[in-house]
Amino acid sequence: MGKSSTSPSRRGGKGPKIERVAERYSITGLGDELVERWRGDQGEQESLRTLADDVNVRIIEAALRQAGEHPVDGEAENFYRLLTSDDVTAGNQTDARNTLASKNIDTERLEADFISYQSVYNYLKRHRNVEREDDGSSTNGDGFRTVKKISNRLRSVTEDAVDRVAANEDVTVGSPEVSVDVRIVCTDCDVRLTPDEFVEGGCRCE
């Protein structure tokens, strides 16, 4: 696996990961750009996942340039797809890593520097204290309002069904109460979150 002679320590460092990565790959103005794009200062608000994917593509492009390469249009995007997409076979992922390694790029370092949408959220909310108006397509917009409506409807339908069964004396029941419990489970850190808890900051993964 290719190693860069100037490669810094693999982990640690001060400040949020986004700022460390921006400095490492000389991506100037990245923090301010993420703030503007997430708030939609210049147009449509962009999602956390879109922002994270875009940063990771730029990390690959910067790594190629630092290695003396001149990436053509779409090359960095293709490498990112090969390295991260669930639709890519293990063999193709290995080929992509080997190709990058042959260009003297430390692929282990590179992939460790990829940021998640959770990293973007933490940076914007906790380090930049950014707020944005809900445009109906954001994480806490219509999607979760729809979940709440469906949950309320499901509880109402279930209560009606319980009452009908009890009235027909098909079962014995005292004072039944129906609850609908929606949870988002992170299979990496085994945290169970309500939709509100998820919106407030997600799980413990970084």
N, C-alpha and C. Protein backbone atom coordinates (compact mmCIF):
# COMPACT_ATOMS: atom_id res chain seq x y z
N MET A 1 0.85 -1.19 0.00
CA MET A 1 0.00 0.00 0.00
C MET A 1 0.88 1.24 0.00
N GLY A 2 0.60 2.17 -0.88
CA GLY A 2 1.46 3.32 -1.04
C GLY A 2 1.44 4.21 0.17
N LYS A 3 2.59 4.80 0.53
CA LYS A 3 2.72 5.69 1.67
C LYS A 3 3.35 6.99 1.20
N SER A 4 2.86 8.08 1.68
CA SER A 4 3.47 9.37 1.40
C SER A 4 4.52 9.64 2.45
N SER A 5 5.70 10.08 2.07
CA SER A 5 6.78 10.32 3.01
C SER A 5 6.46 11.44 3.97
N THR A 6 5.50 12.28 3.63
CA THR A 6 5.16 13.40 4.49
C THR A 6 3.85 13.16 5.23
N SER A 7 3.39 11.89 5.22
CA SER A 7 2.10 11.58 5.82
C SER A 7 2.12 11.83 7.31
N PRO A 8 1.14 12.59 7.88
CA PRO A 8 1.11 12.89 9.28
C PRO A 8 0.60 11.71 10.08
N SER A 9 0.56 11.84 11.40
CA SER A 9 0.06 10.77 12.25
C SER A 9 -1.36 10.45 11.86
N ARG A 10 -1.76 9.18 12.04
CA ARG A 10 -3.03 8.72 11.50
C ARG A 10 -4.21 9.27 12.25
N ARG A 11 -4.11 9.46 13.56
CA ARG A 11 -5.28 9.84 14.32
C ARG A 11 -4.92 11.01 15.22
N GLY A 12 -5.97 11.59 15.79
CA GLY A 12 -5.75 12.67 16.74
C GLY A 12 -5.67 14.01 16.05
N GLY A 13 -5.16 14.97 16.78
CA GLY A 13 -5.09 16.33 16.27
C GLY A 13 -6.14 17.18 16.92
N LYS A 14 -5.89 18.47 16.94
CA LYS A 14 -6.80 19.39 17.59
C LYS A 14 -7.85 19.91 16.62
N GLY A 15 -9.00 20.28 17.17
CA GLY A 15 -10.06 20.86 16.35
C GLY A 15 -10.91 19.81 15.68
N PRO A 16 -12.04 20.24 15.13
CA PRO A 16 -12.94 19.30 14.45
C PRO A 16 -12.27 18.68 13.24
N LYS A 17 -12.71 17.47 12.91
CA LYS A 17 -12.10 16.72 11.82
C LYS A 17 -12.16 17.48 10.50
N ILE A 18 -13.26 18.16 10.25
CA ILE A 18 -13.39 18.88 8.98
C ILE A 18 -12.29 19.92 8.82
N GLU A 19 -11.98 20.62 9.88
CA GLU A 19 -10.92 21.64 9.79
C GLU A 19 -9.55 21.00 9.62
N ARG A 20 -9.32 19.86 10.28
CA ARG A 20 -8.03 19.18 10.14
C ARG A 20 -7.85 18.66 8.71
N VAL A 21 -8.93 18.09 8.17
CA VAL A 21 -8.86 17.56 6.81
C VAL A 21 -8.66 18.69 5.81
N ALA A 22 -9.38 19.79 6.01
CA ALA A 22 -9.24 20.93 5.10
C ALA A 22 -7.80 21.44 5.08
N GLU A 23 -7.18 21.47 6.24
CA GLU A 23 -5.78 21.92 6.31
C GLU A 23 -4.85 20.91 5.65
N ARG A 24 -5.08 19.64 5.91
CA ARG A 24 -4.21 18.59 5.38
C ARG A 24 -4.21 18.57 3.86
N TYR A 25 -5.38 18.82 3.27
CA TYR A 25 -5.49 18.74 1.81
C TYR A 25 -5.59 20.11 1.15
N SER A 26 -5.33 21.15 1.93
CA SER A 26 -5.30 22.52 1.39
C SER A 26 -6.60 22.89 0.69
N ILE A 27 -7.73 22.54 1.32
CA ILE A 27 -9.03 22.92 0.80
C ILE A 27 -9.44 24.21 1.52
N THR A 28 -9.15 25.32 0.91
CA THR A 28 -9.35 26.61 1.57
C THR A 28 -10.83 26.99 1.63
N GLY A 29 -11.20 27.61 2.76
CA GLY A 29 -12.55 28.11 2.91
C GLY A 29 -13.62 27.05 3.04
N LEU A 30 -13.23 25.81 3.39
CA LEU A 30 -14.20 24.71 3.40
C LEU A 30 -15.27 24.93 4.47
N GLY A 31 -14.87 25.35 5.67
CA GLY A 31 -15.85 25.53 6.74
C GLY A 31 -16.92 26.54 6.38
N ASP A 32 -16.50 27.70 5.89
CA ASP A 32 -17.47 28.73 5.52
C ASP A 32 -18.36 28.26 4.37
N GLU A 33 -17.80 27.51 3.45
CA GLU A 33 -18.57 27.01 2.32
C GLU A 33 -19.66 26.05 2.79
N LEU A 34 -19.32 25.16 3.73
CA LEU A 34 -20.31 24.21 4.25
C LEU A 34 -21.45 24.95 4.95
N VAL A 35 -21.10 25.97 5.70
CA VAL A 35 -22.12 26.77 6.39
C VAL A 35 -23.07 27.38 5.36
N GLU A 36 -22.54 28.00 4.33
CA GLU A 36 -23.36 28.69 3.33
C GLU A 36 -24.23 27.70 2.55
N ARG A 37 -23.66 26.54 2.20
CA ARG A 37 -24.43 25.58 1.40
C ARG A 37 -25.52 24.91 2.23
N TRP A 38 -25.24 24.64 3.50
CA TRP A 38 -26.25 24.01 4.34
C TRP A 38 -27.40 24.97 4.63
N ARG A 39 -27.07 26.24 4.86
CA ARG A 39 -28.12 27.24 5.11
C ARG A 39 -28.83 27.64 3.83
N GLY A 40 -28.18 27.42 2.69
CA GLY A 40 -28.77 27.83 1.43
C GLY A 40 -28.62 29.32 1.18
N ASP A 41 -27.49 29.89 1.61
CA ASP A 41 -27.27 31.33 1.46
C ASP A 41 -27.29 31.77 0.01
N GLN A 42 -26.82 30.90 -0.89
CA GLN A 42 -26.74 31.26 -2.30
C GLN A 42 -27.77 30.55 -3.16
N GLY A 43 -28.70 29.84 -2.52
CA GLY A 43 -29.70 29.11 -3.30
C GLY A 43 -30.34 28.03 -2.46
N GLU A 44 -30.48 26.84 -3.04
CA GLU A 44 -31.16 25.73 -2.36
C GLU A 44 -30.30 25.17 -1.23
N GLN A 45 -30.95 24.85 -0.11
CA GLN A 45 -30.25 24.21 0.99
C GLN A 45 -29.82 22.80 0.59
N GLU A 46 -28.60 22.43 0.96
CA GLU A 46 -28.08 21.11 0.60
C GLU A 46 -28.07 20.20 1.81
N SER A 47 -28.24 18.91 1.58
CA SER A 47 -28.31 17.95 2.67
C SER A 47 -26.93 17.66 3.24
N LEU A 48 -26.92 17.11 4.46
CA LEU A 48 -25.66 16.74 5.11
C LEU A 48 -24.93 15.68 4.29
N ARG A 49 -25.67 14.72 3.75
CA ARG A 49 -25.03 13.66 2.97
C ARG A 49 -24.41 14.19 1.69
N THR A 50 -25.10 15.11 1.03
CA THR A 50 -24.56 15.71 -0.18
C THR A 50 -23.26 16.44 0.11
N LEU A 51 -23.25 17.19 1.20
CA LEU A 51 -22.06 17.94 1.58
C LEU A 51 -20.90 17.01 1.91
N ALA A 52 -21.19 15.94 2.67
CA ALA A 52 -20.14 15.00 3.04
C ALA A 52 -19.55 14.32 1.81
N ASP A 53 -20.41 13.87 0.90
CA ASP A 53 -19.93 13.21 -0.31
C ASP A 53 -19.07 14.15 -1.15
N ASP A 54 -19.49 15.41 -1.24
CA ASP A 54 -18.74 16.38 -2.03
C ASP A 54 -17.35 16.62 -1.44
N VAL A 55 -17.29 16.73 -0.12
CA VAL A 55 -16.00 16.93 0.54
C VAL A 55 -15.09 15.73 0.29
N ASN A 56 -15.63 14.53 0.39
CA ASN A 56 -14.80 13.33 0.21
C ASN A 56 -14.26 13.21 -1.21
N VAL A 57 -15.06 13.61 -2.19
CA VAL A 57 -14.57 13.63 -3.56
C VAL A 57 -13.42 14.63 -3.70
N ARG A 58 -13.56 15.78 -3.06
CA ARG A 58 -12.51 16.79 -3.13
C ARG A 58 -11.25 16.35 -2.39
N ILE A 59 -11.41 15.53 -1.35
CA ILE A 59 -10.26 14.97 -0.66
C ILE A 59 -9.47 14.07 -1.61
N ILE A 60 -10.18 13.22 -2.34
CA ILE A 60 -9.50 12.34 -3.30
C ILE A 60 -8.81 13.16 -4.38
N GLU A 61 -9.49 14.16 -4.89
CA GLU A 61 -8.90 15.01 -5.94
C GLU A 61 -7.65 15.70 -5.42
N ALA A 62 -7.72 16.21 -4.18
CA ALA A 62 -6.56 16.88 -3.60
C ALA A 62 -5.41 15.91 -3.38
N ALA A 63 -5.73 14.68 -2.94
CA ALA A 63 -4.69 13.68 -2.73
C ALA A 63 -3.99 13.33 -4.04
N LEU A 64 -4.76 13.24 -5.11
CA LEU A 64 -4.17 12.97 -6.42
C LEU A 64 -3.23 14.10 -6.84
N ARG A 65 -3.65 15.32 -6.62
CA ARG A 65 -2.82 16.47 -6.99
C ARG A 65 -1.55 16.53 -6.13
N GLN A 66 -1.69 16.24 -4.85
CA GLN A 66 -0.52 16.24 -3.97
C GLN A 66 0.48 15.17 -4.37
N ALA A 67 -0.03 14.10 -5.01
CA ALA A 67 0.84 13.01 -5.47
C ALA A 67 1.42 13.30 -6.85
N GLY A 68 1.14 14.49 -7.37
CA GLY A 68 1.69 14.87 -8.67
C GLY A 68 0.83 14.46 -9.85
N GLU A 69 -0.39 14.01 -9.57
CA GLU A 69 -1.30 13.61 -10.65
C GLU A 69 -2.13 14.81 -11.12
N HIS A 70 -2.72 14.65 -12.28
CA HIS A 70 -3.60 15.68 -12.84
C HIS A 70 -4.94 15.02 -13.16
N PRO A 71 -5.80 14.87 -12.15
CA PRO A 71 -7.06 14.13 -12.35
C PRO A 71 -7.96 14.78 -13.39
N VAL A 72 -8.54 13.97 -14.23
CA VAL A 72 -9.48 14.46 -15.24
C VAL A 72 -10.86 14.55 -14.61
N ASP A 73 -11.78 15.21 -15.31
CA ASP A 73 -13.13 15.36 -14.80
C ASP A 73 -13.76 13.98 -14.53
N GLY A 74 -14.32 13.84 -13.36
CA GLY A 74 -15.00 12.60 -13.00
C GLY A 74 -14.11 11.53 -12.42
N GLU A 75 -12.81 11.71 -12.45
CA GLU A 75 -11.91 10.66 -11.96
C GLU A 75 -12.03 10.50 -10.45
N ALA A 76 -12.01 11.60 -9.72
CA ALA A 76 -12.13 11.52 -8.27
C ALA A 76 -13.48 10.96 -7.86
N GLU A 77 -14.54 11.39 -8.55
CA GLU A 77 -15.88 10.86 -8.26
C GLU A 77 -15.93 9.35 -8.45
N ASN A 78 -15.26 8.87 -9.51
CA ASN A 78 -15.28 7.43 -9.77
C ASN A 78 -14.52 6.66 -8.70
N PHE A 79 -13.38 7.18 -8.27
CA PHE A 79 -12.64 6.53 -7.19
C PHE A 79 -13.48 6.49 -5.91
N TYR A 80 -14.19 7.57 -5.62
CA TYR A 80 -15.02 7.62 -4.42
C TYR A 80 -16.13 6.57 -4.49
N ARG A 81 -16.74 6.44 -5.65
CA ARG A 81 -17.78 5.43 -5.84
C ARG A 81 -17.21 4.03 -5.63
N LEU A 82 -16.05 3.77 -6.22
CA LEU A 82 -15.44 2.45 -6.11
C LEU A 82 -15.06 2.12 -4.66
N LEU A 83 -14.68 3.12 -3.91
CA LEU A 83 -14.23 2.89 -2.53
C LEU A 83 -15.38 2.78 -1.54
N THR A 84 -16.53 3.37 -1.85
CA THR A 84 -17.58 3.48 -0.83
C THR A 84 -18.92 2.87 -1.20
N SER A 85 -19.20 2.66 -2.46
CA SER A 85 -20.53 2.21 -2.86
C SER A 85 -20.76 0.75 -2.48
N ASP A 86 -21.97 0.46 -1.99
CA ASP A 86 -22.34 -0.91 -1.66
C ASP A 86 -22.50 -1.77 -2.91
N ASP A 87 -22.66 -1.13 -4.06
CA ASP A 87 -22.87 -1.87 -5.30
C ASP A 87 -21.56 -2.33 -5.94
N VAL A 88 -20.44 -1.90 -5.37
CA VAL A 88 -19.13 -2.24 -5.95
C VAL A 88 -18.60 -3.53 -5.30
N THR A 89 -18.06 -4.42 -6.11
CA THR A 89 -17.54 -5.68 -5.58
C THR A 89 -16.25 -5.45 -4.81
N ALA A 90 -15.93 -6.39 -3.93
CA ALA A 90 -14.70 -6.29 -3.15
C ALA A 90 -13.48 -6.26 -4.07
N GLY A 91 -13.57 -7.00 -5.16
CA GLY A 91 -12.45 -7.01 -6.10
C GLY A 91 -12.22 -5.65 -6.74
N ASN A 92 -13.30 -4.98 -7.12
CA ASN A 92 -13.16 -3.66 -7.72
C ASN A 92 -12.66 -2.64 -6.71
N GLN A 93 -13.08 -2.78 -5.45
CA GLN A 93 -12.57 -1.90 -4.41
C GLN A 93 -11.07 -2.09 -4.24
N THR A 94 -10.64 -3.34 -4.23
CA THR A 94 -9.21 -3.63 -4.10
C THR A 94 -8.43 -3.07 -5.28
N ASP A 95 -8.99 -3.20 -6.48
CA ASP A 95 -8.32 -2.65 -7.66
C ASP A 95 -8.19 -1.13 -7.56
N ALA A 96 -9.24 -0.46 -7.05
CA ALA A 96 -9.18 0.99 -6.90
C ALA A 96 -8.10 1.39 -5.89
N ARG A 97 -8.04 0.66 -4.77
CA ARG A 97 -7.01 0.96 -3.77
C ARG A 97 -5.61 0.74 -4.33
N ASN A 98 -5.46 -0.34 -5.10
CA ASN A 98 -4.15 -0.63 -5.68
C ASN A 98 -3.75 0.45 -6.70
N THR A 99 -4.72 0.93 -7.45
CA THR A 99 -4.43 1.99 -8.43
C THR A 99 -3.97 3.26 -7.72
N LEU A 100 -4.68 3.62 -6.64
CA LEU A 100 -4.28 4.80 -5.87
C LEU A 100 -2.92 4.60 -5.23
N ALA A 101 -2.69 3.40 -4.70
CA ALA A 101 -1.40 3.12 -4.07
C ALA A 101 -0.26 3.22 -5.07
N SER A 102 -0.52 2.81 -6.31
CA SER A 102 0.51 2.89 -7.35
C SER A 102 0.86 4.34 -7.69
N LYS A 103 -0.03 5.26 -7.31
CA LYS A 103 0.22 6.69 -7.52
C LYS A 103 0.86 7.32 -6.29
N ASN A 104 1.33 6.47 -5.37
CA ASN A 104 1.97 6.92 -4.14
C ASN A 104 1.00 7.62 -3.20
N ILE A 105 -0.24 7.14 -3.16
CA ILE A 105 -1.24 7.67 -2.24
C ILE A 105 -1.47 6.63 -1.14
N ASP A 106 -1.41 7.08 0.09
CA ASP A 106 -1.67 6.23 1.24
C ASP A 106 -3.18 6.04 1.34
N THR A 107 -3.67 4.93 0.85
CA THR A 107 -5.12 4.72 0.78
C THR A 107 -5.74 4.55 2.17
N GLU A 108 -5.00 3.99 3.10
CA GLU A 108 -5.53 3.85 4.46
C GLU A 108 -5.73 5.23 5.08
N ARG A 109 -4.75 6.10 4.90
CA ARG A 109 -4.86 7.47 5.38
C ARG A 109 -6.01 8.20 4.69
N LEU A 110 -6.10 7.98 3.39
CA LEU A 110 -7.14 8.65 2.59
C LEU A 110 -8.53 8.29 3.08
N GLU A 111 -8.80 7.01 3.22
CA GLU A 111 -10.13 6.58 3.62
C GLU A 111 -10.44 6.96 5.07
N ALA A 112 -9.42 7.01 5.92
CA ALA A 112 -9.63 7.45 7.29
C ALA A 112 -10.01 8.92 7.35
N ASP A 113 -9.61 9.67 6.33
CA ASP A 113 -9.91 11.11 6.30
C ASP A 113 -11.29 11.41 5.74
N PHE A 114 -11.96 10.43 5.15
CA PHE A 114 -13.32 10.68 4.68
C PHE A 114 -14.20 11.10 5.85
N ILE A 115 -15.08 12.04 5.60
CA ILE A 115 -15.97 12.52 6.65
C ILE A 115 -17.37 11.96 6.45
N SER A 116 -18.10 11.85 7.54
CA SER A 116 -19.47 11.35 7.49
C SER A 116 -20.44 12.53 7.56
N TYR A 117 -21.70 12.26 7.24
CA TYR A 117 -22.70 13.33 7.37
C TYR A 117 -22.83 13.74 8.84
N GLN A 118 -22.54 12.80 9.77
CA GLN A 118 -22.59 13.13 11.19
C GLN A 118 -21.48 14.13 11.54
N SER A 119 -20.31 13.97 10.93
CA SER A 119 -19.22 14.92 11.15
C SER A 119 -19.61 16.31 10.68
N VAL A 120 -20.29 16.37 9.53
CA VAL A 120 -20.73 17.66 9.01
C VAL A 120 -21.73 18.30 9.98
N TYR A 121 -22.68 17.49 10.45
CA TYR A 121 -23.70 18.00 11.38
C TYR A 121 -23.05 18.52 12.66
N ASN A 122 -22.15 17.73 13.24
CA ASN A 122 -21.49 18.15 14.48
C ASN A 122 -20.72 19.44 14.28
N TYR A 123 -20.05 19.54 13.14
CA TYR A 123 -19.26 20.75 12.87
C TYR A 123 -20.17 21.97 12.76
N LEU A 124 -21.24 21.84 11.99
CA LEU A 124 -22.12 22.98 11.76
C LEU A 124 -22.85 23.40 13.04
N LYS A 125 -23.33 22.42 13.80
CA LYS A 125 -24.14 22.74 14.97
C LYS A 125 -23.30 23.06 16.20
N ARG A 126 -22.25 22.29 16.44
CA ARG A 126 -21.50 22.42 17.69
C ARG A 126 -20.31 23.36 17.60
N HIS A 127 -19.70 23.43 16.43
CA HIS A 127 -18.51 24.28 16.30
C HIS A 127 -18.81 25.62 15.63
N ARG A 128 -19.82 25.65 14.78
CA ARG A 128 -20.17 26.90 14.10
C ARG A 128 -21.49 27.48 14.58
N ASN A 129 -22.23 26.72 15.40
CA ASN A 129 -23.51 27.19 15.95
C ASN A 129 -24.46 27.67 14.85
N VAL A 130 -24.56 26.88 13.78
CA VAL A 130 -25.35 27.28 12.62
C VAL A 130 -26.79 26.84 12.80
N GLU A 131 -27.71 27.72 12.49
CA GLU A 131 -29.13 27.38 12.41
C GLU A 131 -29.60 27.68 11.00
N ARG A 132 -30.63 26.98 10.58
CA ARG A 132 -31.20 27.27 9.27
C ARG A 132 -32.70 27.08 9.32
N GLU A 133 -33.39 27.82 8.47
CA GLU A 133 -34.84 27.67 8.40
C GLU A 133 -35.17 26.35 7.73
N ASP A 134 -36.22 25.73 8.23
CA ASP A 134 -36.65 24.45 7.67
C ASP A 134 -37.33 24.70 6.33
N ASP A 135 -36.75 24.09 5.28
CA ASP A 135 -37.33 24.29 3.94
C ASP A 135 -38.27 23.15 3.56
N GLY A 136 -38.55 22.25 4.53
CA GLY A 136 -39.44 21.14 4.23
C GLY A 136 -38.73 19.91 3.70
N SER A 137 -37.43 20.04 3.37
CA SER A 137 -36.69 18.88 2.87
C SER A 137 -35.51 18.56 3.76
N SER A 138 -35.31 19.32 4.83
CA SER A 138 -34.19 19.09 5.72
C SER A 138 -34.45 17.90 6.61
N THR A 139 -33.43 17.53 7.41
CA THR A 139 -33.50 16.34 8.23
C THR A 139 -34.69 16.35 9.16
N ASN A 140 -35.02 17.53 9.72
CA ASN A 140 -36.12 17.58 10.68
C ASN A 140 -37.36 18.22 10.06
N GLY A 141 -37.52 18.10 8.74
CA GLY A 141 -38.65 18.71 8.05
C GLY A 141 -39.80 17.75 7.86
N ASP A 142 -40.34 17.75 6.66
CA ASP A 142 -41.56 16.99 6.39
C ASP A 142 -41.41 15.51 6.65
N GLY A 143 -40.19 14.97 6.48
CA GLY A 143 -39.99 13.54 6.67
C GLY A 143 -40.42 13.07 8.05
N PHE A 144 -39.93 13.75 9.10
CA PHE A 144 -40.26 13.32 10.44
C PHE A 144 -41.66 13.77 10.85
N ARG A 145 -42.15 14.84 10.27
CA ARG A 145 -43.55 15.20 10.54
C ARG A 145 -44.47 14.13 9.98
N THR A 146 -44.11 13.58 8.83
CA THR A 146 -44.89 12.50 8.26
C THR A 146 -44.85 11.26 9.14
N VAL A 147 -43.68 10.95 9.69
CA VAL A 147 -43.55 9.81 10.60
C VAL A 147 -44.48 9.98 11.79
N LYS A 148 -44.53 11.19 12.36
CA LYS A 148 -45.39 11.44 13.52
C LYS A 148 -46.87 11.27 13.15
N LYS A 149 -47.24 11.75 11.96
CA LYS A 149 -48.63 11.61 11.53
C LYS A 149 -49.01 10.14 11.36
N ILE A 150 -48.09 9.37 10.76
CA ILE A 150 -48.35 7.95 10.55
C ILE A 150 -48.44 7.23 11.89
N SER A 151 -47.54 7.61 12.83
CA SER A 151 -47.56 6.98 14.16
C SER A 151 -48.87 7.26 14.87
N ASN A 152 -49.34 8.50 14.79
CA ASN A 152 -50.61 8.85 15.43
C ASN A 152 -51.77 8.09 14.79
N ARG A 153 -51.73 7.98 13.47
CA ARG A 153 -52.78 7.26 12.77
C ARG A 153 -52.77 5.78 13.14
N LEU A 154 -51.57 5.19 13.22
CA LEU A 154 -51.45 3.79 13.57
C LEU A 154 -51.97 3.54 14.99
N ARG A 155 -51.67 4.45 15.91
CA ARG A 155 -52.17 4.30 17.28
C ARG A 155 -53.69 4.36 17.31
N SER A 156 -54.27 5.30 16.53
CA SER A 156 -55.72 5.44 16.50
C SER A 156 -56.38 4.19 15.93
N VAL A 157 -55.82 3.66 14.85
CA VAL A 157 -56.38 2.46 14.24
C VAL A 157 -56.28 1.27 15.19
N THR A 158 -55.17 1.17 15.88
CA THR A 158 -54.97 0.06 16.82
C THR A 158 -55.93 0.17 18.00
N GLU A 159 -56.12 1.39 18.50
CA GLU A 159 -57.07 1.59 19.60
C GLU A 159 -58.47 1.15 19.19
N ASP A 160 -58.88 1.50 17.97
CA ASP A 160 -60.19 1.08 17.47
C ASP A 160 -60.30 -0.44 17.40
N ALA A 161 -59.22 -1.07 16.92
CA ALA A 161 -59.22 -2.53 16.82
C ALA A 161 -59.30 -3.18 18.19
N VAL A 162 -58.56 -2.63 19.17
CA VAL A 162 -58.61 -3.16 20.54
C VAL A 162 -60.01 -3.04 21.12
N ASP A 163 -60.63 -1.87 20.90
CA ASP A 163 -61.99 -1.66 21.43
C ASP A 163 -62.98 -2.64 20.82
N ARG A 164 -62.84 -2.89 19.52
CA ARG A 164 -63.78 -3.81 18.86
C ARG A 164 -63.62 -5.23 19.39
N VAL A 165 -62.38 -5.65 19.53
CA VAL A 165 -62.14 -7.01 20.03
C VAL A 165 -62.64 -7.14 21.46
N ALA A 166 -62.37 -6.12 22.29
CA ALA A 166 -62.83 -6.18 23.68
C ALA A 166 -64.35 -6.16 23.77
N ALA A 167 -65.00 -5.37 22.91
CA ALA A 167 -66.46 -5.29 22.92
C ALA A 167 -67.11 -6.61 22.54
N ASN A 168 -66.47 -7.36 21.68
CA ASN A 168 -66.99 -8.66 21.26
C ASN A 168 -66.64 -9.75 22.25
N GLU A 169 -65.94 -9.36 23.31
CA GLU A 169 -65.55 -10.29 24.36
C GLU A 169 -64.69 -11.44 23.83
N ASP A 170 -63.92 -11.14 22.79
CA ASP A 170 -63.01 -12.15 22.27
C ASP A 170 -61.79 -12.33 23.18
N VAL A 171 -61.46 -11.28 23.92
CA VAL A 171 -60.32 -11.35 24.85
C VAL A 171 -60.71 -10.67 26.14
N THR A 172 -59.95 -10.92 27.17
CA THR A 172 -60.14 -10.24 28.45
C THR A 172 -59.07 -9.17 28.58
N VAL A 173 -59.48 -7.94 28.85
CA VAL A 173 -58.54 -6.84 28.96
C VAL A 173 -59.03 -5.85 29.98
N GLY A 174 -58.11 -5.28 30.75
CA GLY A 174 -58.48 -4.31 31.77
C GLY A 174 -58.63 -2.93 31.17
N SER A 175 -57.60 -2.10 31.30
CA SER A 175 -57.61 -0.74 30.75
C SER A 175 -56.44 -0.60 29.78
N PRO A 176 -56.65 -1.01 28.55
CA PRO A 176 -55.53 -1.02 27.60
C PRO A 176 -55.14 0.38 27.13
N GLU A 177 -53.85 0.55 26.93
CA GLU A 177 -53.32 1.76 26.32
C GLU A 177 -52.43 1.33 25.16
N VAL A 178 -52.51 2.06 24.06
CA VAL A 178 -51.72 1.74 22.87
C VAL A 178 -50.63 2.77 22.70
N SER A 179 -49.42 2.30 22.49
CA SER A 179 -48.30 3.21 22.21
C SER A 179 -47.59 2.74 20.95
N VAL A 180 -47.13 3.69 20.17
CA VAL A 180 -46.36 3.40 18.96
C VAL A 180 -44.97 3.99 19.17
N ASP A 181 -44.00 3.13 19.24
CA ASP A 181 -42.63 3.53 19.58
C ASP A 181 -41.73 3.41 18.37
N VAL A 182 -41.36 4.53 17.75
CA VAL A 182 -40.47 4.54 16.59
C VAL A 182 -39.05 4.80 17.07
N ARG A 183 -38.12 3.96 16.70
CA ARG A 183 -36.73 4.12 17.09
C ARG A 183 -35.82 3.97 15.88
N ILE A 184 -34.76 4.76 15.86
CA ILE A 184 -33.72 4.66 14.85
C ILE A 184 -32.52 4.02 15.53
N VAL A 185 -32.08 2.86 15.02
CA VAL A 185 -31.02 2.09 15.67
C VAL A 185 -29.76 2.17 14.83
N CYS A 186 -28.65 2.59 15.46
CA CYS A 186 -27.35 2.56 14.80
C CYS A 186 -26.71 1.20 15.08
N THR A 187 -26.49 0.42 14.05
CA THR A 187 -25.93 -0.92 14.24
C THR A 187 -24.43 -0.89 14.52
N ASP A 188 -23.80 0.28 14.39
CA ASP A 188 -22.37 0.40 14.69
C ASP A 188 -22.12 0.62 16.17
N CYS A 189 -22.87 1.58 16.78
CA CYS A 189 -22.65 1.88 18.20
C CYS A 189 -23.79 1.40 19.08
N ASP A 190 -24.79 0.73 18.49
CA ASP A 190 -25.89 0.10 19.22
C ASP A 190 -26.70 1.11 20.03
N VAL A 191 -26.91 2.29 19.49
CA VAL A 191 -27.72 3.32 20.14
C VAL A 191 -29.10 3.33 19.51
N ARG A 192 -30.13 3.44 20.36
CA ARG A 192 -31.51 3.53 19.90
C ARG A 192 -32.00 4.95 20.17
N LEU A 193 -32.48 5.62 19.12
CA LEU A 193 -32.85 7.02 19.22
C LEU A 193 -34.29 7.24 18.78
N THR A 194 -34.99 8.14 19.48
CA THR A 194 -36.26 8.61 18.97
C THR A 194 -35.97 9.55 17.80
N PRO A 195 -36.95 9.83 16.95
CA PRO A 195 -36.71 10.78 15.87
C PRO A 195 -36.21 12.13 16.38
N ASP A 196 -36.76 12.63 17.50
CA ASP A 196 -36.30 13.91 18.04
C ASP A 196 -34.86 13.83 18.49
N GLU A 197 -34.47 12.73 19.14
CA GLU A 197 -33.09 12.56 19.58
C GLU A 197 -32.15 12.48 18.39
N PHE A 198 -32.62 11.81 17.33
CA PHE A 198 -31.80 11.69 16.12
C PHE A 198 -31.53 13.07 15.53
N VAL A 199 -32.58 13.89 15.43
CA VAL A 199 -32.44 15.22 14.85
C VAL A 199 -31.50 16.09 15.70
N GLU A 200 -31.53 15.89 17.01
CA GLU A 200 -30.72 16.72 17.91
C GLU A 200 -29.24 16.44 17.79
N GLY A 201 -28.83 15.34 17.21
CA GLY A 201 -27.40 15.12 17.12
C GLY A 201 -26.98 13.73 16.70
N GLY A 202 -27.92 12.84 16.48
CA GLY A 202 -27.56 11.52 16.00
C GLY A 202 -26.95 10.65 17.08
N CYS A 203 -26.20 9.65 16.64
CA CYS A 203 -25.64 8.67 17.57
C CYS A 203 -24.26 9.09 18.03
N ARG A 204 -23.50 8.10 18.58
CA ARG A 204 -22.17 8.40 19.11
C ARG A 204 -21.08 8.17 18.07
N CYS A 205 -21.45 7.70 16.89
CA CYS A 205 -20.44 7.44 15.86
C CYS A 205 -19.83 8.75 15.36
N GLU A 206 -18.58 8.69 14.99
CA GLU A 206 -17.90 9.86 14.42
C GLU A 206 -17.28 9.44 13.09
